Amino acid sequence: MTVVNKKELINSIAEKEDVPKSLVTDILNDTICEIKTALIEGKGVKLAGLGTFSTTEVQKRARRNKKTGELITPRPYRETTFDNAIAEIDVEFESVRGATFF
């Protein structure tokens, strides 16, 4: 699997849209910042055609210290998840990849 990093993404968008890289960088950084802010506030972020970011609160169960017998309750934490909307598209393309077009 090939991974596109942030710099390559910025270069690609700037080239396709014929705009300065600094503008694309600012827009992408602001977008990422807004997604992070929404997740911190407990909101979900749905990007049509890409997927949904959401957080859930996870509470681990209490355990006992083996030496002292003391009950230890871990603090709850938030876990970020991403539900991929593109996976559905990949299935459609998979059936087309082997086809011959005239």
C-alpha atoms as a PDB file:
ATOM      1  CA  MET A   1       0.000   0.000   0.000  1.00  0.00           C
ATOM      2  CA  THR A   2       1.348   3.404  -0.956  1.00  0.00           C
ATOM      3  CA  VAL A   3       0.848   6.200   1.555  1.00  0.00           C
ATOM      4  CA  VAL A   4       0.574   9.861   0.578  1.00  0.00           C
ATOM      5  CA  ASN A   5       1.971  12.181   3.219  1.00  0.00           C
ATOM      6  CA  LYS A   6       0.779  15.706   4.008  1.00  0.00           C
ATOM      7  CA  LYS A   7       3.468  17.411   1.901  1.00  0.00           C
ATOM      8  CA  GLU A   8       2.638  15.302  -1.178  1.00  0.00           C
ATOM      9  CA  LEU A   9      -1.056  16.003  -0.693  1.00  0.00           C
ATOM     10  CA  ILE A  10      -0.403  19.750  -0.506  1.00  0.00           C
ATOM     11  CA  ASN A  11       1.787  19.674  -3.619  1.00  0.00           C
ATOM     12  CA  SER A  12      -0.812  17.706  -5.567  1.00  0.00           C
ATOM     13  CA  ILE A  13      -3.698  20.027  -4.670  1.00  0.00           C
ATOM     14  CA  ALA A  14      -1.658  23.169  -5.333  1.00  0.00           C
ATOM     15  CA  GLU A  15      -0.649  21.866  -8.754  1.00  0.00           C
ATOM     16  CA  LYS A  16      -4.163  20.739  -9.760  1.00  0.00           C
ATOM     17  CA  GLU A  17      -5.873  23.929  -8.605  1.00  0.00           C
ATOM     18  CA  ASP A  18      -3.025  26.265  -9.647  1.00  0.00           C
ATOM     19  CA  VAL A  19      -2.876  28.011  -6.270  1.00  0.00           C
ATOM     20  CA  PRO A  20       0.096  28.741  -3.979  1.00  0.00           C
ATOM     21  CA  LYS A  21       1.246  25.907  -1.728  1.00  0.00           C
ATOM     22  CA  SER A  22       1.086  28.258   1.254  1.00  0.00           C
ATOM     23  CA  LEU A  23      -2.651  28.742   0.718  1.00  0.00           C
ATOM     24  CA  VAL A  24      -3.279  24.999   0.443  1.00  0.00           C
ATOM     25  CA  THR A  25      -1.134  24.407   3.554  1.00  0.00           C
ATOM     26  CA  ASP A  26      -3.136  26.965   5.549  1.00  0.00           C
ATOM     27  CA  ILE A  27      -6.457  25.477   4.424  1.00  0.00           C
ATOM     28  CA  LEU A  28      -5.381  21.904   5.194  1.00  0.00           C
ATOM     29  CA  ASN A  29      -3.974  22.878   8.606  1.00  0.00           C
ATOM     30  CA  ASP A  30      -7.176  24.764   9.462  1.00  0.00           C
ATOM     31  CA  THR A  31      -9.269  21.768   8.383  1.00  0.00           C
ATOM     32  CA  ILE A  32      -7.264  19.392  10.562  1.00  0.00           C
ATOM     33  CA  CYS A  33      -7.474  21.835  13.490  1.00  0.00           C
ATOM     34  CA  GLU A  34     -11.270  22.080  13.169  1.00  0.00           C
ATOM     35  CA  ILE A  35     -11.606  18.282  13.054  1.00  0.00           C
ATOM     36  CA  LYS A  36      -9.465  17.958  16.206  1.00  0.00           C
ATOM     37  CA  THR A  37     -11.461  20.684  17.987  1.00  0.00           C
ATOM     38  CA  ALA A  38     -14.771  19.007  17.166  1.00  0.00           C
ATOM     39  CA  LEU A  39     -13.493  15.645  18.419  1.00  0.00           C
ATOM     40  CA  ILE A  40     -12.211  17.193  21.658  1.00  0.00           C
ATOM     41  CA  GLU A  41     -15.671  18.702  22.199  1.00  0.00           C
ATOM     42  CA  GLY A  42     -17.199  15.230  21.739  1.00  0.00           C
ATOM     43  CA  LYS A  43     -18.705  15.933  18.328  1.00  0.00           C
ATOM     44  CA  GLY A  44     -18.464  13.692  15.285  1.00  0.00           C
ATOM     45  CA  VAL A  45     -17.179  14.894  11.915  1.00  0.00           C
ATOM     46  CA  LYS A  46     -18.703  13.505   8.733  1.00  0.00           C
ATOM     47  CA  LEU A  47     -16.922  14.190   5.438  1.00  0.00           C
ATOM     48  CA  ALA A  48     -19.132  13.078   2.547  1.00  0.00           C
ATOM     49  CA  GLY A  49     -17.348  10.619   0.300  1.00  0.00           C
ATOM     50  CA  LEU A  50     -14.501  10.100   2.776  1.00  0.00           C
ATOM     51  CA  GLY A  51     -15.888   8.931   6.108  1.00  0.00           C
ATOM     52  CA  THR A  52     -16.813   9.817   9.674  1.00  0.00           C
ATOM     53  CA  PHE A  53     -14.556  10.663  12.615  1.00  0.00           C
ATOM     54  CA  SER A  54     -16.064  10.052  16.045  1.00  0.00           C
ATOM     55  CA  THR A  55     -15.039   9.528  19.654  1.00  0.00           C
ATOM     56  CA  THR A  56     -16.289   7.087  22.243  1.00  0.00           C
ATOM     57  CA  GLU A  57     -15.552   7.043  25.946  1.00  0.00           C
ATOM     58  CA  VAL A  58     -13.840   3.853  27.039  1.00  0.00           C
ATOM     59  CA  GLN A  59     -13.912   2.663  30.630  1.00  0.00           C
ATOM     60  CA  LYS A  60     -11.600  -0.214  31.474  1.00  0.00           C
ATOM     61  CA  ARG A  61     -12.851  -2.535  34.171  1.00  0.00           C
ATOM     62  CA  ALA A  62     -11.531  -2.346  37.700  1.00  0.00           C
ATOM     63  CA  ARG A  63      -8.725  -4.692  38.739  1.00  0.00           C
ATOM     64  CA  ARG A  64      -7.060  -5.646  42.003  1.00  0.00           C
ATOM     65  CA  ASN A  65      -3.434  -5.066  42.938  1.00  0.00           C
ATOM     66  CA  LYS A  66      -2.021  -8.580  43.469  1.00  0.00           C
ATOM     67  CA  LYS A  67       0.197  -7.572  46.385  1.00  0.00           C
ATOM     68  CA  THR A  68      -2.146  -5.316  48.359  1.00  0.00           C
ATOM     69  CA  GLY A  69      -5.575  -6.419  47.153  1.00  0.00           C
ATOM     70  CA  GLU A  70      -6.431  -2.749  46.544  1.00  0.00           C
ATOM     71  CA  LEU A  71      -9.088  -2.126  43.891  1.00  0.00           C
ATOM     72  CA  ILE A  72      -7.671  -0.067  41.009  1.00  0.00           C
ATOM     73  CA  THR A  73     -10.111   1.720  38.717  1.00  0.00           C
ATOM     74  CA  PRO A  74      -8.484   3.146  35.583  1.00  0.00           C
ATOM     75  CA  ARG A  75      -9.583   6.572  34.390  1.00  0.00           C
ATOM     76  CA  PRO A  76     -11.911   6.603  31.377  1.00  0.00           C
ATOM     77  CA  TYR A  77     -10.457   7.897  28.130  1.00  0.00           C
ATOM     78  CA  ARG A  78     -11.721   8.871  24.694  1.00  0.00           C
ATOM     79  CA  GLU A  79     -10.905   6.747  21.702  1.00  0.00           C
ATOM     80  CA  THR A  80     -11.062   8.229  18.196  1.00  0.00           C
ATOM     81  CA  THR A  81     -12.438   6.076  15.402  1.00  0.00           C
ATOM     82  CA  PHE A  82     -12.783   6.593  11.667  1.00  0.00           C
ATOM     83  CA  ASP A  83     -15.477   4.840   9.643  1.00  0.00           C
ATOM     84  CA  ASN A  84     -14.273   4.650   6.066  1.00  0.00           C
ATOM     85  CA  ALA A  85     -16.837   5.509   3.374  1.00  0.00           C
ATOM     86  CA  ILE A  86     -14.330   4.726   0.627  1.00  0.00           C
ATOM     87  CA  ALA A  87     -14.317   0.982   1.418  1.00  0.00           C
ATOM     88  CA  GLU A  88     -17.669   0.729  -0.365  1.00  0.00           C
ATOM     89  CA  ILE A  89     -16.196   2.384  -3.445  1.00  0.00           C
ATOM     90  CA  ASP A  90     -13.189   0.008  -3.457  1.00  0.00           C
ATOM     91  CA  VAL A  91     -15.531  -2.967  -3.800  1.00  0.00           C
ATOM     92  CA  GLU A  92     -17.066  -1.420  -6.924  1.00  0.00           C
ATOM     93  CA  PHE A  93     -13.647  -0.780  -8.499  1.00  0.00           C
ATOM     94  CA  GLU A  94     -12.433  -4.286  -7.623  1.00  0.00           C
ATOM     95  CA  SER A  95     -14.978  -5.803 -10.014  1.00  0.00           C
ATOM     96  CA  VAL A  96     -13.920  -3.393 -12.779  1.00  0.00           C
ATOM     97  CA  ARG A  97     -10.140  -3.908 -12.470  1.00  0.00           C
ATOM     98  CA  GLY A  98     -10.099  -7.244 -14.312  1.00  0.00           C
ATOM     99  CA  ALA A  99     -12.486  -6.111 -17.056  1.00  0.00           C
ATOM    100  CA  THR A 100     -11.356  -5.301 -20.579  1.00  0.00           C
ATOM    101  CA  PHE A 101     -12.593  -2.066 -22.088  1.00  0.00           C
ATOM    102  CA  PHE A 102     -12.764  -1.490 -25.834  1.00  0.00           C
END
